[in-house]
């Protein structure tokens, strides 16, 4: 669930040399009401859309490929900025309002005792989803989430200090991280993944995603096969006017008999305007020559 890493690369390339200024800036922004942060974020989203041709082209290409209407992709521009602007509050501020829909699926899976694999695409506030689980269920059954370590030392420190909280553990996107997730599942605990994040070479296969081939992780199926864990989808809907978030939890009963991306497409279509269409979903792993057509 590497929300900050993805969004930072899109929106904050000029902040890479600010170093010590980031902690004070985040602490200051964390004091603002979510409604204010979302308003600022919408402006930020449209500002980046206006000044970055590559980002604008990628967002439009991906959104139109999926059949988004003009109203949907325009709304997605603002929501991408809101994702960034809400992070200081989620990481360093006071708790935000969170509603639940489908939490009974979590309770049933925890009683089953085989662990839970949460699949959370780049939809809505994917950062708040893990936090919401940790607040409500993490005391007895913590969640372990997969993340990509930042390259900048100061950014590593910011992410690590912000994400460390009761009931929520993080592991890196390498072999030790996979072992950590499997260990958590074997203990009946929960793990979280971004299933539409491009995995490292050798850890995925090519699958269609909204009609175009995308390199897709195979880790969720491998974890489920080894552990027998329940697989659930979860995403955090951003409520209007800064009222907070609604976490949606849905079972995926046939997920292992159909391509992973088909299940994610259906989920994304429920709220296309809050999907991160600007994410480089169709990028090719570095040592691959080209994506299949």
Protein backbone atom coordinates (compact mmCIF):
# COMPACT_ATOMS: atom_id res chain seq x y z
CA UNK A 1 0.00 0.00 0.00
CA UNK A 2 2.64 2.47 -1.07
CA UNK A 3 0.44 5.53 -1.36
CA UNK A 4 3.02 8.19 -0.65
CA UNK A 5 5.74 6.76 -2.89
CA UNK A 6 3.46 6.68 -5.93
CA UNK A 7 1.94 10.10 -5.36
CA UNK A 8 5.23 11.71 -4.44
CA UNK A 9 6.73 10.72 -7.78
CA UNK A 10 3.75 12.23 -9.59
CA UNK A 11 3.24 15.47 -7.69
CA UNK A 12 6.38 16.41 -5.76
CA UNK A 13 9.48 15.99 -7.97
CA UNK A 14 10.80 19.40 -6.91
CA UNK A 15 10.66 18.57 -3.20
CA UNK A 16 13.46 16.01 -3.38
CA UNK A 17 16.03 18.48 -2.05
CA UNK A 18 13.92 20.03 0.72
CA UNK A 19 15.09 17.40 3.22
CA UNK A 20 14.56 18.89 6.69
CA UNK A 21 11.64 21.07 5.60
CA UNK A 22 9.31 18.15 4.96
CA UNK A 23 8.68 17.20 8.59
CA UNK A 24 7.69 20.75 9.65
CA UNK A 25 5.58 21.13 6.50
CA UNK A 26 3.73 17.88 7.14
CA UNK A 27 3.14 18.75 10.80
CA UNK A 28 1.72 22.12 9.79
CA UNK A 29 -0.60 20.67 7.16
CA UNK A 30 -1.68 17.90 9.54
CA UNK A 31 -3.45 20.50 11.70
CA UNK A 32 -5.78 21.57 8.91
CA UNK A 33 -9.32 20.28 8.55
CA UNK A 34 -9.72 17.55 5.96
CA UNK A 35 -12.13 19.78 4.03
CA UNK A 36 -9.39 22.41 3.65
CA UNK A 37 -6.78 19.86 2.64
CA UNK A 38 -9.10 18.37 0.03
CA UNK A 39 -9.80 21.82 -1.39
CA UNK A 40 -6.08 22.52 -1.64
CA UNK A 41 -5.56 19.07 -3.11
CA UNK A 42 -8.10 19.63 -5.86
CA UNK A 43 -6.23 22.78 -6.89
CA UNK A 44 -2.97 20.87 -6.77
CA UNK A 45 -4.39 18.08 -8.93
CA UNK A 46 -5.54 20.47 -11.61
CA UNK A 47 -2.32 22.45 -11.40
CA UNK A 48 -0.18 19.41 -12.12
CA UNK A 49 -2.60 18.31 -14.85
CA UNK A 50 -2.16 21.72 -16.49
CA UNK A 51 1.64 21.99 -16.34
CA UNK A 52 2.73 18.36 -16.89
CA UNK A 53 2.06 17.14 -20.45
CA UNK A 54 3.28 13.61 -19.71
CA UNK A 55 1.08 13.24 -16.63
CA UNK A 56 -1.92 14.74 -18.45
CA UNK A 57 -1.46 12.43 -21.42
CA UNK A 58 -1.11 9.34 -19.24
CA UNK A 59 -4.16 10.15 -17.13
CA UNK A 60 -6.34 10.80 -20.16
CA UNK A 61 -5.06 7.76 -22.06
CA UNK A 62 -5.77 5.43 -19.15
CA UNK A 63 -9.13 6.93 -18.23
CA UNK A 64 -10.44 6.97 -21.80
CA UNK A 65 -9.17 3.43 -22.38
CA UNK A 66 -11.39 2.33 -19.47
CA UNK A 67 -14.38 4.16 -20.91
CA UNK A 68 -14.52 7.02 -18.40
CA UNK A 69 -16.86 9.87 -19.23
CA UNK A 70 -15.55 13.46 -19.26
CA UNK A 71 -17.22 14.04 -15.89
CA UNK A 72 -15.47 11.00 -14.42
CA UNK A 73 -11.94 11.78 -15.58
CA UNK A 74 -12.29 15.44 -14.63
CA UNK A 75 -13.33 14.41 -11.16
CA UNK A 76 -10.37 12.01 -11.05
CA UNK A 77 -7.98 14.92 -11.67
CA UNK A 78 -9.10 16.59 -8.46
CA UNK A 79 -9.18 13.36 -6.47
CA UNK A 80 -5.58 12.60 -7.39
CA UNK A 81 -4.56 15.88 -5.77
CA UNK A 82 -6.73 15.14 -2.74
CA UNK A 83 -4.84 11.87 -2.26
CA UNK A 84 -1.65 13.85 -1.79
CA UNK A 85 -3.08 16.65 0.32
CA UNK A 86 -4.74 14.32 2.84
CA UNK A 87 -1.54 12.41 3.66
CA UNK A 88 -0.21 14.82 6.32
CA UNK A 89 -3.51 14.56 8.22
CA UNK A 90 -3.63 10.77 7.88
CA UNK A 91 -0.02 10.35 8.95
CA UNK A 92 0.47 13.01 11.62
CA UNK A 93 -2.90 14.55 12.45
CA UNK A 94 -5.84 13.71 14.66
CA UNK A 95 -8.04 10.74 13.64
CA UNK A 96 -10.48 11.28 10.80
CA UNK A 97 -14.07 10.06 10.58
CA UNK A 98 -14.30 6.54 9.15
CA UNK A 99 -17.45 4.62 8.22
CA UNK A 100 -17.61 0.93 7.33
CA UNK A 101 -19.53 -1.07 4.76
CA UNK A 102 -19.04 -4.83 4.72
CA UNK A 103 -16.99 -5.18 7.90
CA UNK A 104 -18.91 -8.41 8.64
CA UNK A 105 -16.77 -10.09 5.97
CA UNK A 106 -13.67 -9.25 8.02
CA UNK A 107 -15.19 -10.54 11.23
CA UNK A 108 -16.18 -13.82 9.56
CA UNK A 109 -12.73 -14.27 8.04
CA UNK A 110 -10.98 -13.60 11.35
CA UNK A 111 -13.15 -16.23 13.02
CA UNK A 112 -12.14 -18.70 10.31
CA UNK A 113 -8.55 -18.26 11.49
CA UNK A 114 -6.74 -18.70 8.17
CA UNK A 115 -5.75 -15.07 7.75
CA UNK A 116 -6.97 -12.40 5.31
CA UNK A 117 -5.43 -11.08 2.09
CA UNK A 118 -6.74 -7.58 1.41
CA UNK A 119 -6.53 -6.44 -2.23
CA UNK A 120 -6.71 -2.65 -2.38
CA UNK A 121 -6.16 -1.01 -5.79
CA UNK A 122 -5.21 2.63 -6.35
CA UNK A 123 -8.81 3.57 -5.64
CA UNK A 124 -9.97 6.24 -3.21
CA UNK A 125 -7.75 6.66 -0.17
CA UNK A 126 -5.75 3.44 -0.12
CA UNK A 127 -3.67 4.80 2.77
CA UNK A 128 -6.70 5.10 5.05
CA UNK A 129 -7.82 1.53 4.40
CA UNK A 130 -4.97 -0.07 6.33
CA UNK A 131 -5.25 2.53 9.09
CA UNK A 132 -8.96 1.84 9.48
CA UNK A 133 -8.32 -1.89 9.83
CA UNK A 134 -5.57 -1.29 12.40
CA UNK A 135 -7.85 0.96 14.48
CA UNK A 136 -10.77 -1.45 14.52
CA UNK A 137 -9.23 -4.93 14.33
CA UNK A 138 -5.48 -4.53 14.75
CA UNK A 139 -5.30 -4.97 18.51
CA UNK A 140 -5.95 -8.70 18.24
CA UNK A 141 -4.98 -9.37 14.61
CA UNK A 142 -2.44 -6.88 13.17
CA UNK A 143 -2.14 -6.17 9.46
CA UNK A 144 1.11 -6.44 7.52
CA UNK A 145 1.31 -4.29 4.38
CA UNK A 146 3.77 -4.47 1.50
CA UNK A 147 5.58 -1.25 0.63
CA UNK A 148 8.40 -0.08 -1.60
CA UNK A 149 11.15 1.62 0.45
CA UNK A 150 11.94 5.15 -0.64
CA UNK A 151 15.40 5.82 -2.02
CA UNK A 152 15.93 9.15 -0.24
CA UNK A 153 17.02 8.72 3.41
CA UNK A 154 14.89 11.63 4.65
CA UNK A 155 11.85 10.22 2.84
CA UNK A 156 12.46 6.80 4.37
CA UNK A 157 12.44 8.44 7.79
CA UNK A 158 9.24 10.36 7.09
CA UNK A 159 7.38 7.29 5.81
CA UNK A 160 8.63 5.00 8.57
CA UNK A 161 7.78 7.40 11.39
CA UNK A 162 4.34 8.12 9.94
CA UNK A 163 3.25 4.54 9.28
CA UNK A 164 4.40 2.93 12.51
CA UNK A 165 1.27 2.52 14.61
CA UNK A 166 -0.39 -0.15 16.75
CA UNK A 167 -1.86 -2.98 14.70
CA UNK A 168 -0.06 -2.05 11.47
CA UNK A 169 3.25 -3.52 10.31
CA UNK A 170 5.17 -2.92 7.09
CA UNK A 171 7.48 -5.16 5.03
CA UNK A 172 9.51 -4.27 1.90
CA UNK A 173 8.85 -5.50 -1.63
CA UNK A 174 11.51 -8.22 -1.61
CA UNK A 175 11.88 -11.85 -0.61
CA UNK A 176 12.06 -11.05 3.09
CA UNK A 177 8.83 -9.08 2.78
CA UNK A 178 7.05 -11.97 1.08
CA UNK A 179 8.25 -14.31 3.82
CA UNK A 180 6.97 -11.85 6.41
CA UNK A 181 3.53 -11.77 4.81
CA UNK A 182 3.33 -15.56 4.61
CA UNK A 183 4.37 -15.81 8.25
CA UNK A 184 1.62 -13.36 9.21
CA UNK A 185 -1.00 -15.36 7.29
CA UNK A 186 0.13 -18.61 8.87
CA UNK A 187 -0.47 -16.94 12.24
CA UNK A 188 -4.05 -16.11 11.16
CA UNK A 189 -3.29 -12.42 10.67
CA UNK A 190 -4.03 -10.05 7.77
CA UNK A 191 -1.90 -8.69 4.93
CA UNK A 192 -2.53 -5.90 2.44
CA UNK A 193 -1.46 -5.52 -1.19
CA UNK A 194 -1.89 -3.07 -4.05
CA UNK A 195 -2.83 -5.60 -6.77
CA UNK A 196 -2.59 -3.04 -9.58
CA UNK A 197 0.96 -2.02 -8.67
CA UNK A 198 3.55 -3.13 -11.23
CA UNK A 199 5.63 -5.85 -9.51
CA UNK A 200 9.36 -6.47 -9.94
CA UNK A 201 10.39 -8.52 -12.94
CA UNK A 202 9.78 -12.21 -12.38
CA UNK A 203 7.01 -11.66 -9.84
CA UNK A 204 4.13 -11.25 -12.26
CA UNK A 205 2.65 -12.12 -15.61
CA UNK A 206 0.98 -10.23 -18.44
CA UNK A 207 -2.78 -9.81 -18.15
CA UNK A 208 -5.28 -7.50 -19.87
CA UNK A 209 -6.28 -4.49 -17.80
CA UNK A 210 -9.07 -2.44 -19.38
CA UNK A 211 -8.18 -3.99 -22.74
CA UNK A 212 -4.42 -3.37 -22.64
CA UNK A 213 -1.73 -5.79 -21.46
CA UNK A 214 -0.28 -4.92 -18.05
CA UNK A 215 2.38 -6.68 -16.00
CA UNK A 216 0.40 -7.98 -13.02
CA UNK A 217 1.55 -9.42 -9.70
CA UNK A 218 1.00 -13.10 -8.98
CA UNK A 219 1.81 -12.76 -5.28
CA UNK A 220 -1.83 -12.71 -4.03
CA UNK A 221 -2.62 -16.10 -5.59
CA UNK A 222 0.63 -17.62 -4.34
CA UNK A 223 -0.01 -16.37 -0.80
CA UNK A 224 -3.57 -17.68 -0.85
CA UNK A 225 -2.49 -21.08 -2.16
CA UNK A 226 0.15 -21.48 0.53
CA UNK A 227 -1.96 -20.21 3.43
CA UNK A 228 -5.62 -20.89 2.61
CA UNK A 229 -6.38 -17.30 3.60
CA UNK A 230 -9.63 -15.49 2.79
CA UNK A 231 -9.26 -12.95 -0.02
CA UNK A 232 -11.18 -9.68 0.32
CA UNK A 233 -11.18 -6.43 -1.61
CA UNK A 234 -11.15 -3.19 0.36
CA UNK A 235 -10.98 0.47 -0.57
CA UNK A 236 -11.52 3.80 1.17
CA UNK A 237 -14.10 6.04 -0.48
CA UNK A 238 -13.36 9.73 -0.01
CA UNK A 239 -16.56 11.35 1.27
CA UNK A 240 -17.54 14.82 -0.02
CA UNK A 241 -16.74 18.08 1.78
CA UNK A 242 -14.04 16.51 3.94
CA UNK A 243 -16.50 14.43 5.97
CA UNK A 244 -14.03 11.54 6.15
CA UNK A 245 -13.97 8.14 4.50
CA UNK A 246 -16.10 5.05 4.00
CA UNK A 247 -14.20 1.76 3.86
CA UNK A 248 -15.85 -0.77 1.55
CA UNK A 249 -15.09 -4.47 2.06
CA UNK A 250 -16.23 -7.06 -0.48
CA UNK A 251 -15.57 -10.80 -0.85
CA UNK A 252 -13.96 -12.13 -4.01
CA UNK A 253 -15.47 -15.63 -4.24
CA UNK A 254 -14.32 -16.37 -7.80
CA UNK A 255 -11.11 -14.41 -7.80
CA UNK A 256 -8.90 -17.51 -8.26
CA UNK A 257 -10.86 -18.71 -11.31
CA UNK A 258 -10.54 -15.47 -13.27
CA UNK A 259 -7.68 -13.07 -14.01
CA UNK A 260 -6.91 -10.81 -11.05
CA UNK A 261 -7.32 -7.72 -13.21
CA UNK A 262 -10.91 -8.64 -14.13
CA UNK A 263 -11.90 -8.45 -10.46
CA UNK A 264 -10.05 -5.15 -10.05
CA UNK A 265 -11.70 -3.66 -13.14
CA UNK A 266 -15.15 -4.42 -11.73
CA UNK A 267 -14.21 -2.80 -8.41
CA UNK A 268 -12.72 0.30 -10.04
CA UNK A 269 -15.81 0.83 -12.18
CA UNK A 270 -17.89 1.28 -9.02
CA UNK A 271 -16.15 4.65 -8.47
CA UNK A 272 -14.02 5.48 -11.52
CA UNK A 273 -13.71 9.12 -10.51
CA UNK A 274 -11.60 8.18 -7.48
CA UNK A 275 -9.16 5.89 -9.29
CA UNK A 276 -5.56 7.06 -9.79
CA UNK A 277 -5.59 7.01 -13.59
CA UNK A 278 -2.28 8.88 -13.68
CA UNK A 279 -0.42 5.91 -12.20
CA UNK A 280 1.96 4.29 -14.73
CA UNK A 281 0.08 1.00 -14.71
CA UNK A 282 1.31 -0.14 -18.12
CA UNK A 283 5.01 0.41 -17.63
CA UNK A 284 7.34 -2.39 -18.63
CA UNK A 285 9.68 -4.03 -16.09
CA UNK A 286 13.18 -2.74 -16.77
CA UNK A 287 14.74 -5.84 -18.30
CA UNK A 288 11.73 -6.67 -20.49
CA UNK A 289 12.11 -5.54 -24.09
CA UNK A 290 8.49 -4.69 -24.71
CA UNK A 291 5.00 -5.46 -23.51
CA UNK A 292 3.02 -8.02 -25.52
CA UNK A 293 0.29 -6.67 -27.74
